[in-house]
Amino acid sequence: PHPQGVQIQNLTWWTLAQDLPSGVKAGD
């Protein structure tokens, strides 16, 4: 079977979210 969504979210090149870096607040 296909892997579950939690096993690929933010863990592959194609599903990587562009989150803010650690220590940088939204709007800063």
PDB file of all heavy atoms in Angstrom:
ATOM      1  N   PRO A   1       0.804  -1.230   0.000  1.00  0.00           N
ATOM      2  CA  PRO A   1       0.000   0.000   0.000  1.00  0.00           C
ATOM      3  C   PRO A   1       0.832   1.273   0.000  1.00  0.00           C
ATOM      4  O   PRO A   1       1.982   1.311   0.440  1.00  0.00           O
ATOM      5  CB  PRO A   1      -0.818  -0.126   1.295  1.00  0.00           C
ATOM      6  CG  PRO A   1      -0.852  -1.583   1.581  1.00  0.00           C
ATOM      7  CD  PRO A   1       0.444  -2.125   1.103  1.00  0.00           C
ATOM      8  N   HIS A   2       0.206   2.341  -0.488  1.00  0.00           N
ATOM      9  CA  HIS A   2       0.803   3.671  -0.535  1.00  0.00           C
ATOM     10  C   HIS A   2       1.070   4.162   0.890  1.00  0.00           C
ATOM     11  O   HIS A   2       0.286   3.887   1.803  1.00  0.00           O
ATOM     12  CB  HIS A   2      -0.149   4.639  -1.254  1.00  0.00           C
ATOM     13  CG  HIS A   2       0.484   5.918  -1.668  1.00  0.00           C
ATOM     14  ND1 HIS A   2       0.778   6.930  -0.767  1.00  0.00           N
ATOM     15  CD2 HIS A   2       0.888   6.360  -2.888  1.00  0.00           C
ATOM     16  CE1 HIS A   2       1.338   7.942  -1.421  1.00  0.00           C
ATOM     17  NE2 HIS A   2       1.412   7.635  -2.708  1.00  0.00           N
ATOM     18  N   PRO A   3       2.194   4.874   1.142  1.00  0.00           N
ATOM     19  CA  PRO A   3       2.456   5.382   2.504  1.00  0.00           C
ATOM     20  C   PRO A   3       1.388   6.372   2.933  1.00  0.00           C
ATOM     21  O   PRO A   3       0.758   7.052   2.103  1.00  0.00           O
ATOM     22  CB  PRO A   3       3.826   6.051   2.376  1.00  0.00           C
ATOM     23  CG  PRO A   3       3.977   6.366   0.924  1.00  0.00           C
ATOM     24  CD  PRO A   3       3.267   5.271   0.206  1.00  0.00           C
ATOM     25  N   GLN A   4       1.169   6.475   4.227  1.00  0.00           N
ATOM     26  CA  GLN A   4       0.192   7.412   4.767  1.00  0.00           C
ATOM     27  C   GLN A   4       0.666   8.848   4.603  1.00  0.00           C
ATOM     28  O   GLN A   4       1.862   9.113   4.455  1.00  0.00           O
ATOM     29  CB  GLN A   4      -0.049   7.102   6.248  1.00  0.00           C
ATOM     30  CG  GLN A   4      -0.567   5.698   6.516  1.00  0.00           C
ATOM     31  CD  GLN A   4      -0.730   5.422   7.989  1.00  0.00           C
ATOM     32  OE1 GLN A   4      -0.613   6.310   8.814  1.00  0.00           O
ATOM     33  NE2 GLN A   4      -1.003   4.166   8.324  1.00  0.00           N
ATOM     34  N   GLY A   5      -0.283   9.781   4.661  1.00  0.00           N
ATOM     35  CA  GLY A   5       0.042  11.187   4.452  1.00  0.00           C
ATOM     36  C   GLY A   5       1.047  11.727   5.447  1.00  0.00           C
ATOM     37  O   GLY A   5       1.915  12.538   5.101  1.00  0.00           O
ATOM     38  N   VAL A   6       0.969  11.270   6.691  1.00  0.00           N
ATOM     39  CA  VAL A   6       1.875  11.760   7.718  1.00  0.00           C
ATOM     40  C   VAL A   6       3.312  11.327   7.452  1.00  0.00           C
ATOM     41  O   VAL A   6       4.261  11.944   7.961  1.00  0.00           O
ATOM     42  CB  VAL A   6       1.414  11.269   9.109  1.00  0.00           C
ATOM     43  CG1 VAL A   6       1.616   9.770   9.242  1.00  0.00           C
ATOM     44  CG2 VAL A   6       2.125  12.019  10.224  1.00  0.00           C
ATOM     45  N   GLN A   7       3.493  10.290   6.632  1.00  0.00           N
ATOM     46  CA  GLN A   7       4.837   9.780   6.341  1.00  0.00           C
ATOM     47  C   GLN A   7       5.516  10.515   5.199  1.00  0.00           C
ATOM     48  O   GLN A   7       6.697  10.283   4.942  1.00  0.00           O
ATOM     49  CB  GLN A   7       4.768   8.290   6.019  1.00  0.00           C
ATOM     50  CG  GLN A   7       4.331   7.436   7.200  1.00  0.00           C
ATOM     51  CD  GLN A   7       4.132   5.984   6.821  1.00  0.00           C
ATOM     52  OE1 GLN A   7       4.198   5.618   5.643  1.00  0.00           O
ATOM     53  NE2 GLN A   7       3.869   5.149   7.812  1.00  0.00           N
ATOM     54  N   ILE A   8       4.792  11.405   4.514  1.00  0.00           N
ATOM     55  CA  ILE A   8       5.417  12.163   3.431  1.00  0.00           C
ATOM     56  C   ILE A   8       5.302  13.667   3.630  1.00  0.00           C
ATOM     57  O   ILE A   8       6.068  14.424   3.030  1.00  0.00           O
ATOM     58  CB  ILE A   8       4.826  11.773   2.060  1.00  0.00           C
ATOM     59  CG1 ILE A   8       3.332  12.054   2.010  1.00  0.00           C
ATOM     60  CG2 ILE A   8       5.113  10.311   1.734  1.00  0.00           C
ATOM     61  CD1 ILE A   8       2.716  11.827   0.631  1.00  0.00           C
ATOM     62  N   GLN A   9       4.383  14.123   4.468  1.00  0.00           N
ATOM     63  CA  GLN A   9       4.218  15.555   4.675  1.00  0.00           C
ATOM     64  C   GLN A   9       5.461  16.152   5.329  1.00  0.00           C
ATOM     65  O   GLN A   9       5.875  15.745   6.400  1.00  0.00           O
ATOM     66  CB  GLN A   9       2.993  15.828   5.560  1.00  0.00           C
ATOM     67  CG  GLN A   9       2.648  17.298   5.709  1.00  0.00           C
ATOM     68  CD  GLN A   9       2.293  17.941   4.363  1.00  0.00           C
ATOM     69  OE1 GLN A   9       1.663  17.301   3.514  1.00  0.00           O
ATOM     70  NE2 GLN A   9       2.707  19.182   4.170  1.00  0.00           N
ATOM     71  N   ASN A  10       6.083  17.119   4.630  1.00  0.00           N
ATOM     72  CA  ASN A  10       7.308  17.784   5.102  1.00  0.00           C
ATOM     73  C   ASN A  10       8.511  16.845   5.179  1.00  0.00           C
ATOM     74  O   ASN A  10       9.537  17.220   5.752  1.00  0.00           O
ATOM     75  CB  ASN A  10       7.102  18.433   6.481  1.00  0.00           C
ATOM     76  CG  ASN A  10       6.256  19.681   6.414  1.00  0.00           C
ATOM     77  OD1 ASN A  10       6.230  20.357   5.383  1.00  0.00           O
ATOM     78  ND2 ASN A  10       5.576  19.988   7.487  1.00  0.00           N
ATOM     79  N   LEU A  11       8.405  15.656   4.592  1.00  0.00           N
ATOM     80  CA  LEU A  11       9.503  14.696   4.685  1.00  0.00           C
ATOM     81  C   LEU A  11      10.046  14.287   3.322  1.00  0.00           C
ATOM     82  O   LEU A  11      10.976  13.490   3.255  1.00  0.00           O
ATOM     83  CB  LEU A  11       9.045  13.447   5.443  1.00  0.00           C
ATOM     84  CG  LEU A  11       8.679  13.667   6.913  1.00  0.00           C
ATOM     85  CD1 LEU A  11       8.079  12.396   7.507  1.00  0.00           C
ATOM     86  CD2 LEU A  11       9.899  14.099   7.721  1.00  0.00           C
ATOM     87  N   THR A  12       9.485  14.808   2.239  1.00  0.00           N
ATOM     88  CA  THR A  12      10.025  14.559   0.904  1.00  0.00           C
ATOM     89  C   THR A  12      10.267  15.899   0.218  1.00  0.00           C
ATOM     90  O   THR A  12       9.775  16.942   0.656  1.00  0.00           O
ATOM     91  CB  THR A  12       9.064  13.716   0.042  1.00  0.00           C
ATOM     92  OG1 THR A  12       7.949  14.531  -0.357  1.00  0.00           O
ATOM     93  CG2 THR A  12       8.564  12.501   0.801  1.00  0.00           C
ATOM     94  N   TRP A  13      11.012  15.851  -0.869  1.00  0.00           N
ATOM     95  CA  TRP A  13      11.326  17.077  -1.613  1.00  0.00           C
ATOM     96  C   TRP A  13      10.058  17.736  -2.146  1.00  0.00           C
ATOM     97  O   TRP A  13       9.954  18.959  -2.197  1.00  0.00           O
ATOM     98  CB  TRP A  13      12.267  16.721  -2.773  1.00  0.00           C
ATOM     99  CG  TRP A  13      12.637  17.896  -3.632  1.00  0.00           C
ATOM    100  CD1 TRP A  13      12.026  18.306  -4.773  1.00  0.00           C
ATOM    101  CD2 TRP A  13      13.713  18.813  -3.401  1.00  0.00           C
ATOM    102  NE1 TRP A  13      12.643  19.422  -5.283  1.00  0.00           N
ATOM    103  CE2 TRP A  13      13.698  19.750  -4.455  1.00  0.00           C
ATOM    104  CE3 TRP A  13      14.692  18.927  -2.416  1.00  0.00           C
ATOM    105  CZ2 TRP A  13      14.623  20.792  -4.551  1.00  0.00           C
ATOM    106  CZ3 TRP A  13      15.613  19.958  -2.516  1.00  0.00           C
ATOM    107  CH2 TRP A  13      15.577  20.870  -3.561  1.00  0.00           C
ATOM    108  N   TRP A  14       9.074  16.932  -2.516  1.00  0.00           N
ATOM    109  CA  TRP A  14       7.876  17.456  -3.171  1.00  0.00           C
ATOM    110  C   TRP A  14       6.815  17.902  -2.177  1.00  0.00           C
ATOM    111  O   TRP A  14       5.856  18.577  -2.565  1.00  0.00           O
ATOM    112  CB  TRP A  14       7.290  16.387  -4.110  1.00  0.00           C
ATOM    113  CG  TRP A  14       8.340  15.710  -4.910  1.00  0.00           C
ATOM    114  CD1 TRP A  14       8.790  14.427  -4.772  1.00  0.00           C
ATOM    115  CD2 TRP A  14       9.128  16.273  -5.968  1.00  0.00           C
ATOM    116  NE1 TRP A  14       9.793  14.159  -5.662  1.00  0.00           N
ATOM    117  CE2 TRP A  14      10.024  15.274  -6.422  1.00  0.00           C
ATOM    118  CE3 TRP A  14       9.150  17.534  -6.572  1.00  0.00           C
ATOM    119  CZ2 TRP A  14      10.929  15.498  -7.445  1.00  0.00           C
ATOM    120  CZ3 TRP A  14      10.065  17.756  -7.594  1.00  0.00           C
ATOM    121  CH2 TRP A  14      10.939  16.754  -8.019  1.00  0.00           C
ATOM    122  N   THR A  15       6.934  17.521  -0.924  1.00  0.00           N
ATOM    123  CA  THR A  15       5.911  17.880   0.067  1.00  0.00           C
ATOM    124  C   THR A  15       6.471  18.770   1.164  1.00  0.00           C
ATOM    125  O   THR A  15       5.837  18.947   2.198  1.00  0.00           O
ATOM    126  CB  THR A  15       5.322  16.611   0.711  1.00  0.00           C
ATOM    127  OG1 THR A  15       6.366  15.880   1.369  1.00  0.00           O
ATOM    128  CG2 THR A  15       4.668  15.733  -0.336  1.00  0.00           C
ATOM    129  N   LEU A  16       7.648  19.345   0.946  1.00  0.00           N
ATOM    130  CA  LEU A  16       8.290  20.173   1.967  1.00  0.00           C
ATOM    131  C   LEU A  16       7.638  21.549   1.999  1.00  0.00           C
ATOM    132  O   LEU A  16       7.564  22.245   0.981  1.00  0.00           O
ATOM    133  CB  LEU A  16       9.785  20.313   1.674  1.00  0.00           C
ATOM    134  CG  LEU A  16      10.606  21.073   2.700  1.00  0.00           C
ATOM    135  CD1 LEU A  16      10.603  20.341   4.039  1.00  0.00           C
ATOM    136  CD2 LEU A  16      12.030  21.283   2.207  1.00  0.00           C
ATOM    137  N   ALA A  17       7.154  21.934   3.169  1.00  0.00           N
ATOM    138  CA  ALA A  17       6.532  23.244   3.342  1.00  0.00           C
ATOM    139  C   ALA A  17       7.605  24.282   3.621  1.00  0.00           C
ATOM    140  O   ALA A  17       8.581  24.029   4.331  1.00  0.00           O
ATOM    141  CB  ALA A  17       5.528  23.215   4.493  1.00  0.00           C
ATOM    142  N   GLN A  18       7.428  25.474   3.085  1.00  0.00           N
ATOM    143  CA  GLN A  18       8.374  26.568   3.304  1.00  0.00           C
ATOM    144  C   GLN A  18       7.998  27.322   4.574  1.00  0.00           C
ATOM    145  O   GLN A  18       7.404  28.394   4.558  1.00  0.00           O
ATOM    146  CB  GLN A  18       8.365  27.517   2.091  1.00  0.00           C
ATOM    147  CG  GLN A  18       8.819  26.856   0.801  1.00  0.00           C
ATOM    148  CD  GLN A  18      10.264  26.390   0.882  1.00  0.00           C
ATOM    149  OE1 GLN A  18      11.113  27.075   1.438  1.00  0.00           O
ATOM    150  NE2 GLN A  18      10.532  25.220   0.329  1.00  0.00           N
ATOM    151  N   ASP A  19       8.359  26.720   5.713  1.00  0.00           N
ATOM    152  CA  ASP A  19       8.055  27.347   6.992  1.00  0.00           C
ATOM    153  C   ASP A  19       9.058  28.448   7.302  1.00  0.00           C
ATOM    154  O   ASP A  19      10.169  28.491   6.772  1.00  0.00           O
ATOM    155  CB  ASP A  19       8.099  26.304   8.115  1.00  0.00           C
ATOM    156  CG  ASP A  19       7.057  25.227   7.920  1.00  0.00           C
ATOM    157  OD1 ASP A  19       5.976  25.553   7.394  1.00  0.00           O
ATOM    158  OD2 ASP A  19       7.334  24.059   8.283  1.00  0.00           O
ATOM    159  N   LEU A  20       8.666  29.355   8.219  1.00  0.00           N
ATOM    160  CA  LEU A  20       9.585  30.383   8.682  1.00  0.00           C
ATOM    161  C   LEU A  20      10.702  29.737   9.481  1.00  0.00           C
ATOM    162  O   LEU A  20      10.481  28.762  10.194  1.00  0.00           O
ATOM    163  CB  LEU A  20       8.845  31.400   9.565  1.00  0.00           C
ATOM    164  CG  LEU A  20       7.922  32.375   8.843  1.00  0.00           C
ATOM    165  CD1 LEU A  20       7.160  33.193   9.870  1.00  0.00           C
ATOM    166  CD2 LEU A  20       8.691  33.282   7.909  1.00  0.00           C
ATOM    167  N   PRO A  21      11.927  30.268   9.395  1.00  0.00           N
ATOM    168  CA  PRO A  21      13.026  29.706  10.176  1.00  0.00           C
ATOM    169  C   PRO A  21      12.798  29.856  11.661  1.00  0.00           C
ATOM    170  O   PRO A  21      12.070  30.745  12.108  1.00  0.00           O
ATOM    171  CB  PRO A  21      14.242  30.526   9.712  1.00  0.00           C
ATOM    172  CG  PRO A  21      13.665  31.804   9.190  1.00  0.00           C
ATOM    173  CD  PRO A  21      12.344  31.424   8.596  1.00  0.00           C
ATOM    174  N   SER A  22      13.419  28.973  12.420  1.00  0.00           N
ATOM    175  CA  SER A  22      13.290  28.999  13.876  1.00  0.00           C
ATOM    176  C   SER A  22      13.747  30.338  14.429  1.00  0.00           C
ATOM    177  O   SER A  22      14.795  30.858  14.074  1.00  0.00           O
ATOM    178  CB  SER A  22      14.125  27.870  14.493  1.00  0.00           C
ATOM    179  OG  SER A  22      14.083  27.937  15.885  1.00  0.00           O
ATOM    180  N   GLY A  23      12.972  30.926  15.297  1.00  0.00           N
ATOM    181  CA  GLY A  23      13.330  32.193  15.919  1.00  0.00           C
ATOM    182  C   GLY A  23      12.821  33.407  15.164  1.00  0.00           C
ATOM    183  O   GLY A  23      12.970  34.536  15.625  1.00  0.00           O
ATOM    184  N   VAL A  24      12.242  33.223  13.979  1.00  0.00           N
ATOM    185  CA  VAL A  24      11.707  34.336  13.202  1.00  0.00           C
ATOM    186  C   VAL A  24      10.190  34.322  13.298  1.00  0.00           C
ATOM    187  O   VAL A  24       9.549  33.357  12.887  1.00  0.00           O
ATOM    188  CB  VAL A  24      12.157  34.242  11.722  1.00  0.00           C
ATOM    189  CG1 VAL A  24      11.554  35.376  10.922  1.00  0.00           C
ATOM    190  CG2 VAL A  24      13.674  34.260  11.639  1.00  0.00           C
ATOM    191  N   LYS A  25       9.613  35.353  13.844  1.00  0.00           N
ATOM    192  CA  LYS A  25       8.167  35.420  14.023  1.00  0.00           C
ATOM    193  C   LYS A  25       7.496  35.928  12.756  1.00  0.00           C
ATOM    194  O   LYS A  25       8.086  36.642  11.952  1.00  0.00           O
ATOM    195  CB  LYS A  25       7.829  36.345  15.192  1.00  0.00           C
ATOM    196  CG  LYS A  25       8.403  35.881  16.528  1.00  0.00           C
ATOM    197  CD  LYS A  25       8.049  36.867  17.632  1.00  0.00           C
ATOM    198  CE  LYS A  25       8.631  36.412  18.971  1.00  0.00           C
ATOM    199  NZ  LYS A  25       8.317  37.373  20.059  1.00  0.00           N
ATOM    200  N   ALA A  26       6.237  35.529  12.591  1.00  0.00           N
ATOM    201  CA  ALA A  26       5.467  36.003  11.450  1.00  0.00           C
ATOM    202  C   ALA A  26       5.354  37.521  11.509  1.00  0.00           C
ATOM    203  O   ALA A  26       5.033  38.097  12.546  1.00  0.00           O
ATOM    204  CB  ALA A  26       4.078  35.363  11.454  1.00  0.00           C
ATOM    205  N   GLY A  27       5.609  38.189  10.407  1.00  0.00           N
ATOM    206  CA  GLY A  27       5.555  39.637  10.365  1.00  0.00           C
ATOM    207  C   GLY A  27       6.856  40.325  10.712  1.00  0.00           C
ATOM    208  O   GLY A  27       6.967  41.543  10.601  1.00  0.00           O
ATOM    209  N   ASP A  28       7.851  39.607  11.139  1.00  0.00           N
ATOM    210  CA  ASP A  28       9.152  40.188  11.466  1.00  0.00           C
ATOM    211  C   ASP A  28       9.958  40.275  10.177  1.00  0.00           C
ATOM    212  O   ASP A  28      10.766  39.401   9.858  1.00  0.00           O
ATOM    213  CB  ASP A  28       9.860  39.310  12.494  1.00  0.00           C
ATOM    214  CG  ASP A  28      11.100  39.992  13.068  1.00  0.00           C
ATOM    215  OD1 ASP A  28      11.515  41.015  12.492  1.00  0.00           O
ATOM    216  OD2 ASP A  28      11.648  39.500  14.073  1.00  0.00           O
TER     217      ASP A  28
END
